[in-house]
Amino acid sequence: MTTPERIVVRAPNWIGDVVLSLGALRDLRRNFGNARLEVLARPWVAGLYGAVDGIEGVRLSEGIRADAAALRGHFDAAVLFTNSFGTALSPALARIPERWGYATEGRGPLLTRSTRVPDEIRERSQVYYYRAMISGLGLSVSATPDTSLRVCAAWAERGAELLEDGPWIALNPGASYGSAKQWLPARYAAVGERLGQETGARIAILGSAAERPLGEAIAAAMREKPKLLCGETSLADLVGVLARLQLLVTNDSGPMHLASALGVPLVAIFGPTNWRETAPRNERHRIVRAGVDCAPCLLRECPIDHRCMTRIGVEAVAAAAVELLH
């Protein structure tokens, strides 16, 4: 096999997965230092690669046949950080000579070099899931995966426009996966009020446009009105805002992983998801969770009484935040 000179990486589809795959992406960059490295990503995560050095281009993924047409003739190798059959089919249809990735979902015949998911990485951070794929393909990997993000000047300036003089603490009460991942809104309001009073910091509420009613409900329950940014930030804006924070209080979510990659102190509230696999990677974090037998269940909606979240009190989250701040 000749050394590829033009490589495209099919990016994961969610913000948290993109962050957790950055160590593997950087390992790939080191293995092929002279190659042109581009990323094929879904539109809602593509902008994040503007905060990652060593990427020469970002293409938008728009479906199997559209991707195949866009990739054809431009690359020597495709590396798949995704697991689906469809994302392996696109580079095969594009006739990219080398196609590498995990042999998941029966897609092994579409790959020219593949590896199996090793048992020893289960119940470990998903950082090692992506890293093990690079290693399984016969490439060298670093001892300590680097999942950090940098903030470019334009993003930092936008963050400063949205959050004026601080210090700032932000609440991130939403989660795109489902309601089971969301801690109770009234408790977010109580924690926000308490942290504002105890630290003198101003409070902001983050979220998507779809989460604005949730943010409004939390803001209405607070005596000192917070800065409501739900639906008012692009992905680049969000990175700029997060970089300005003194602390983030959040569910297991994309913004949690972004804050971690930026080195922002954070308190992460975990319910149905596996904290061993998706915990923040920076050292400046605390995880708050209830020790219930049914967690992690990985369900989008709780079929019983949501005990993994209802048993987490305001005191536990506030105490973790104060400990981290001081």
Protein backbone atom coordinates (compact mmCIF):
# COMPACT_ATOMS: atom_id res chain seq x y z
CA MET A 1 0.00 0.00 0.00
CA THR A 2 1.30 3.43 -0.92
CA THR A 3 1.15 6.16 1.71
CA PRO A 4 -2.02 8.20 1.16
CA GLU A 5 -1.53 11.83 0.23
CA ARG A 6 -5.18 12.93 0.46
CA ILE A 7 -7.23 11.68 3.42
CA VAL A 8 -10.84 12.38 4.33
CA VAL A 9 -12.14 11.62 7.82
CA ARG A 10 -15.87 10.96 8.23
CA ALA A 11 -16.60 12.79 11.47
CA PRO A 12 -18.97 11.61 14.21
CA ASN A 13 -22.47 13.07 14.09
CA TRP A 14 -22.71 14.64 17.55
CA ILE A 15 -20.73 17.36 19.29
CA GLY A 16 -19.68 15.22 22.24
CA ASP A 17 -18.48 12.44 19.96
CA VAL A 18 -16.54 14.92 17.84
CA VAL A 19 -14.72 16.16 20.94
CA LEU A 20 -13.98 12.65 22.18
CA SER A 21 -12.60 11.68 18.76
CA LEU A 22 -10.11 14.56 18.59
CA GLY A 23 -7.31 12.52 20.16
CA ALA A 24 -7.63 9.93 17.40
CA LEU A 25 -7.83 12.64 14.75
CA ARG A 26 -4.57 14.13 16.01
CA ASP A 27 -2.97 10.67 16.05
CA LEU A 28 -3.99 10.28 12.41
CA ARG A 29 -2.48 13.67 11.62
CA ARG A 30 0.83 12.63 13.22
CA ASN A 31 0.93 9.36 11.26
CA PHE A 32 0.45 11.16 7.95
CA GLY A 33 2.14 14.49 8.52
CA ASN A 34 2.59 15.27 4.83
CA ALA A 35 -0.92 14.31 3.71
CA ARG A 36 -3.76 16.71 3.03
CA LEU A 37 -6.33 15.97 5.75
CA GLU A 38 -9.97 16.97 5.32
CA VAL A 39 -13.11 16.22 7.33
CA LEU A 40 -16.56 15.22 6.09
CA ALA A 41 -19.09 16.23 8.74
CA ARG A 42 -22.78 16.81 9.26
CA PRO A 43 -23.71 20.53 9.12
CA TRP A 44 -24.47 20.88 12.83
CA VAL A 45 -20.93 19.80 13.87
CA ALA A 46 -18.86 20.91 10.88
CA GLY A 47 -18.11 24.36 12.26
CA LEU A 48 -16.38 22.90 15.30
CA TYR A 49 -13.37 21.90 13.20
CA GLY A 50 -12.56 25.58 12.91
CA ALA A 51 -11.18 25.18 16.45
CA VAL A 52 -8.93 22.24 15.51
CA ASP A 53 -5.45 22.75 14.04
CA GLY A 54 -4.12 20.55 11.23
CA ILE A 55 -7.33 20.31 9.18
CA GLU A 56 -7.00 21.57 5.60
CA GLY A 57 -10.68 21.46 4.69
CA VAL A 58 -14.19 20.69 5.94
CA ARG A 59 -16.90 19.29 3.68
CA LEU A 60 -20.57 18.98 4.56
CA SER A 61 -22.09 15.49 4.59
CA GLU A 62 -25.45 15.57 2.79
CA GLY A 63 -26.33 11.90 2.35
CA ILE A 64 -24.87 8.72 0.90
CA ARG A 65 -25.09 9.46 -2.82
CA ALA A 66 -24.33 13.17 -2.48
CA ASP A 67 -21.27 12.38 -0.37
CA ALA A 68 -20.08 9.77 -2.86
CA ALA A 69 -20.34 12.25 -5.73
CA ALA A 70 -18.55 14.97 -3.76
CA LEU A 71 -15.68 12.68 -2.67
CA ARG A 72 -15.07 10.88 -5.97
CA GLY A 73 -11.61 11.55 -7.41
CA HIS A 74 -10.39 13.70 -4.53
CA PHE A 75 -8.99 11.26 -1.95
CA ASP A 76 -6.65 8.27 -1.61
CA ALA A 77 -8.03 7.16 1.76
CA ALA A 78 -11.16 7.53 3.87
CA VAL A 79 -11.06 6.98 7.65
CA LEU A 80 -14.42 6.41 9.30
CA PHE A 81 -14.98 7.65 12.85
CA THR A 82 -18.60 6.56 12.45
CA ASN A 83 -20.02 3.04 12.81
CA SER A 84 -22.86 2.87 10.29
CA PHE A 85 -23.09 0.92 7.06
CA GLY A 86 -24.19 4.01 5.16
CA THR A 87 -21.13 6.07 6.06
CA ALA A 88 -18.92 3.25 4.73
CA LEU A 89 -20.99 2.96 1.57
CA SER A 90 -20.32 6.55 0.47
CA PRO A 91 -16.51 6.23 0.11
CA ALA A 92 -16.97 2.81 -1.50
CA LEU A 93 -19.30 4.30 -4.10
CA ALA A 94 -16.79 7.12 -4.52
CA ARG A 95 -14.16 4.47 -5.36
CA ILE A 96 -11.72 5.80 -2.77
CA PRO A 97 -8.91 3.18 -2.88
CA GLU A 98 -8.34 2.89 0.89
CA ARG A 99 -11.29 2.76 3.31
CA TRP A 100 -10.51 2.20 7.00
CA GLY A 101 -12.60 1.81 10.13
CA TYR A 102 -14.34 -0.48 12.58
CA ALA A 103 -16.05 -3.51 11.02
CA THR A 104 -19.40 -2.65 12.61
CA GLU A 105 -22.95 -3.11 11.26
CA GLY A 106 -21.84 -5.67 8.67
CA ARG A 107 -19.80 -3.15 6.70
CA GLY A 108 -16.54 -5.12 6.74
CA PRO A 109 -16.74 -5.97 2.99
CA LEU A 110 -16.85 -2.24 2.20
CA LEU A 111 -13.56 -1.59 4.01
CA THR A 112 -10.05 -2.28 2.73
CA ARG A 113 -8.59 -2.21 6.25
CA SER A 114 -10.74 -2.88 9.30
CA THR A 115 -10.53 -3.79 12.95
CA ARG A 116 -12.87 -5.08 15.65
CA VAL A 117 -13.92 -3.16 18.75
CA PRO A 118 -11.67 -4.56 21.52
CA ASP A 119 -13.32 -5.78 24.70
CA GLU A 120 -10.83 -4.00 26.95
CA ILE A 121 -12.10 -0.52 26.04
CA ARG A 122 -15.65 -1.14 27.18
CA GLU A 123 -16.64 0.89 30.25
CA ARG A 124 -13.77 3.30 29.50
CA SER A 125 -13.94 6.79 28.07
CA GLN A 126 -15.00 6.85 24.44
CA VAL A 127 -11.72 8.64 23.78
CA TYR A 128 -10.20 5.16 23.86
CA TYR A 129 -12.84 3.81 21.50
CA TYR A 130 -11.58 6.06 18.71
CA ARG A 131 -7.95 5.65 19.76
CA ALA A 132 -8.27 1.84 19.66
CA MET A 133 -9.52 2.05 16.09
CA ILE A 134 -6.41 3.98 15.00
CA SER A 135 -4.22 1.47 16.83
CA GLY A 136 -6.14 -1.49 15.39
CA LEU A 137 -5.48 -0.17 11.90
CA GLY A 138 -1.76 -0.51 12.58
CA LEU A 139 -1.03 3.16 13.21
CA SER A 140 0.83 4.68 16.15
CA VAL A 141 -1.09 6.43 18.92
CA SER A 142 -0.09 8.89 21.61
CA ALA A 143 0.08 7.89 25.26
CA THR A 144 -2.25 10.73 26.27
CA PRO A 145 -5.01 11.60 23.77
CA ASP A 146 -5.40 15.34 23.22
CA THR A 147 -9.08 16.38 23.08
CA SER A 148 -8.57 20.11 23.56
CA LEU A 149 -10.07 22.93 21.49
CA ARG A 150 -8.64 26.36 20.79
CA VAL A 151 -10.72 29.52 20.60
CA CYS A 152 -10.01 31.64 17.54
CA ALA A 153 -10.09 35.42 17.94
CA ALA A 154 -13.42 35.92 16.15
CA TRP A 155 -15.17 33.38 18.38
CA ALA A 156 -13.68 34.94 21.52
CA GLU A 157 -14.84 38.39 20.43
CA ARG A 158 -18.36 37.12 19.85
CA GLY A 159 -18.35 35.50 23.31
CA ALA A 160 -17.33 38.86 24.79
CA GLU A 161 -20.21 40.56 22.98
CA LEU A 162 -22.76 38.10 24.37
CA LEU A 163 -21.33 38.04 27.90
CA GLU A 164 -20.15 41.45 28.97
CA ASP A 165 -18.21 42.08 32.17
CA GLY A 166 -18.34 39.07 34.47
CA PRO A 167 -17.47 36.84 36.14
CA TRP A 168 -20.07 34.44 34.67
CA ILE A 169 -21.50 31.09 35.69
CA ALA A 170 -23.73 29.34 33.16
CA LEU A 171 -26.46 26.72 33.43
CA ASN A 172 -27.01 24.25 30.59
CA PRO A 173 -30.32 22.54 31.48
CA GLY A 174 -31.05 20.84 28.15
CA ALA A 175 -29.80 17.71 26.42
CA SER A 176 -30.55 16.69 22.84
CA TYR A 177 -30.70 12.94 23.48
CA GLY A 178 -33.93 13.06 25.48
CA SER A 179 -35.66 14.26 28.62
CA ALA A 180 -34.19 11.47 30.76
CA LYS A 181 -30.82 13.27 30.69
CA GLN A 182 -32.27 16.51 32.05
CA TRP A 183 -32.09 17.47 35.71
CA LEU A 184 -35.16 19.23 37.14
CA PRO A 185 -35.62 22.87 35.98
CA ALA A 186 -36.62 24.12 39.44
CA ARG A 187 -33.37 22.75 40.84
CA TYR A 188 -31.34 24.44 38.14
CA ALA A 189 -33.01 27.71 39.13
CA ALA A 190 -32.22 27.12 42.79
CA VAL A 191 -28.56 26.30 42.08
CA GLY A 192 -28.23 29.34 39.82
CA GLU A 193 -29.61 31.65 42.50
CA ARG A 194 -27.43 30.16 45.19
CA LEU A 195 -24.22 30.34 43.17
CA GLY A 196 -24.96 33.91 42.14
CA GLN A 197 -25.45 34.93 45.76
CA GLU A 198 -22.43 33.07 47.13
CA THR A 199 -19.92 34.00 44.43
CA GLY A 200 -21.17 37.34 43.10
CA ALA A 201 -21.01 35.94 39.58
CA ARG A 202 -23.65 36.70 36.96
CA ILE A 203 -25.75 33.79 35.71
CA ALA A 204 -26.40 32.84 32.08
CA ILE A 205 -28.62 30.08 30.69
CA LEU A 206 -27.46 28.25 27.57
CA GLY A 207 -29.41 26.11 25.12
CA SER A 208 -30.80 25.69 21.64
CA ALA A 209 -33.83 27.48 20.22
CA ALA A 210 -35.93 24.40 20.98
CA GLU A 211 -34.81 24.64 24.62
CA ARG A 212 -35.78 28.30 25.02
CA PRO A 213 -39.08 27.49 26.84
CA LEU A 214 -37.02 25.46 29.31
CA GLY A 215 -34.62 28.36 29.79
CA GLU A 216 -37.49 30.81 30.20
CA ALA A 217 -39.08 28.64 32.88
CA ILE A 218 -35.82 28.54 34.83
CA ALA A 219 -35.29 32.29 34.44
CA ALA A 220 -38.85 32.99 35.65
CA ALA A 221 -38.16 31.00 38.82
CA MET A 222 -35.10 33.10 39.71
CA ARG A 223 -35.33 36.38 41.64
CA GLU A 224 -32.17 37.78 40.04
CA LYS A 225 -32.88 37.45 36.33
CA PRO A 226 -30.17 35.63 34.35
CA LYS A 227 -28.89 36.28 30.84
CA LEU A 228 -30.97 33.99 28.60
CA LEU A 229 -28.99 32.81 25.55
CA CYS A 230 -31.13 29.86 24.45
CA GLY A 231 -31.39 29.98 20.66
CA GLU A 232 -29.08 32.99 20.39
CA THR A 233 -25.74 31.28 19.77
CA SER A 234 -24.26 29.53 16.77
CA LEU A 235 -21.79 26.73 17.45
CA ALA A 236 -18.91 29.19 17.15
CA ASP A 237 -20.72 31.67 19.45
CA LEU A 238 -21.26 28.92 22.01
CA VAL A 239 -17.55 28.09 22.08
CA GLY A 240 -16.75 31.77 22.59
CA VAL A 241 -19.29 32.03 25.43
CA LEU A 242 -18.11 28.86 27.16
CA ALA A 243 -14.51 30.06 27.07
CA ARG A 244 -15.51 33.11 29.17
CA LEU A 245 -17.12 31.14 31.99
CA GLN A 246 -15.89 30.76 35.52
CA LEU A 247 -18.03 27.61 35.81
CA LEU A 248 -20.63 25.60 33.88
CA VAL A 249 -23.36 23.51 35.53
CA THR A 250 -24.66 21.07 32.94
CA ASN A 251 -26.29 17.79 32.03
CA ASP A 252 -24.34 15.20 30.01
CA SER A 253 -24.44 17.04 26.68
CA GLY A 254 -22.51 18.57 23.81
CA PRO A 255 -21.84 21.84 25.69
CA MET A 256 -20.44 19.77 28.57
CA HIS A 257 -17.84 18.27 26.23
CA LEU A 258 -17.07 21.64 24.65
CA ALA A 259 -16.46 23.20 28.06
CA SER A 260 -14.24 20.28 29.01
CA ALA A 261 -12.21 20.65 25.80
CA LEU A 262 -11.77 24.36 26.56
CA GLY A 263 -10.55 23.66 30.10
CA VAL A 264 -13.58 25.35 31.70
CA PRO A 265 -14.45 24.17 35.24
CA LEU A 266 -17.76 22.30 35.19
CA VAL A 267 -20.20 20.32 37.28
CA ALA A 268 -21.75 17.50 35.22
CA ILE A 269 -25.05 15.95 36.32
CA PHE A 270 -25.36 12.36 35.10
CA GLY A 271 -28.52 10.24 35.07
CA PRO A 272 -29.24 7.56 32.46
CA THR A 273 -25.96 7.80 30.53
CA ASN A 274 -22.73 6.01 31.34
CA TRP A 275 -20.44 8.41 33.21
CA ARG A 276 -17.50 6.04 32.70
CA GLU A 277 -17.72 6.39 28.91
CA THR A 278 -18.74 10.03 28.45
CA ALA A 279 -17.31 11.89 31.46
CA PRO A 280 -15.57 15.23 30.87
CA ARG A 281 -11.90 14.86 30.05
CA ASN A 282 -10.43 17.89 31.78
CA GLU A 283 -9.29 17.73 35.39
CA ARG A 284 -11.42 20.68 36.49
CA HIS A 285 -14.75 18.91 36.79
CA ARG A 286 -17.03 17.19 39.27
CA ILE A 287 -19.61 14.53 38.41
CA VAL A 288 -22.82 14.42 40.44
CA ARG A 289 -24.98 11.32 40.14
CA ALA A 290 -27.37 9.22 42.23
CA GLY A 291 -26.39 5.63 42.96
CA VAL A 292 -29.51 3.91 41.63
CA ASP A 293 -29.59 0.34 40.36
CA CYS A 294 -31.27 1.17 37.05
CA ALA A 295 -28.58 3.59 35.88
CA PRO A 296 -27.05 3.76 33.39
CA CYS A 297 -30.04 2.59 31.33
CA LEU A 298 -29.26 4.72 28.22
CA LEU A 299 -32.98 5.38 27.65
CA ARG A 300 -34.23 8.63 26.14
CA GLU A 301 -37.33 8.74 28.34
CA CYS A 302 -37.62 7.28 31.83
CA PRO A 303 -40.30 4.54 32.02
CA ILE A 304 -40.60 4.78 35.83
CA ASP A 305 -39.99 7.67 38.24
CA HIS A 306 -36.77 9.27 36.89
CA ARG A 307 -35.04 8.46 40.16
CA CYS A 308 -31.55 8.87 38.71
CA MET A 309 -32.28 12.60 38.49
CA THR A 310 -34.91 13.26 41.16
CA ARG A 311 -32.58 11.87 43.83
CA ILE A 312 -29.94 14.48 43.02
CA GLY A 313 -30.60 17.46 45.28
CA VAL A 314 -29.69 21.11 45.00
CA GLU A 315 -27.24 20.83 47.87
CA ALA A 316 -25.15 18.15 46.15
CA VAL A 317 -24.77 20.15 42.94
CA ALA A 318 -24.15 23.47 44.71
CA ALA A 319 -21.58 21.92 47.02
CA ALA A 320 -19.71 20.41 44.05
CA ALA A 321 -19.72 23.79 42.32
CA VAL A 322 -18.44 25.68 45.36
CA GLU A 323 -15.72 23.08 45.95
CA LEU A 324 -14.57 23.37 42.36
CA LEU A 325 -14.55 27.17 42.44
CA HIS A 326 -12.53 27.37 45.64
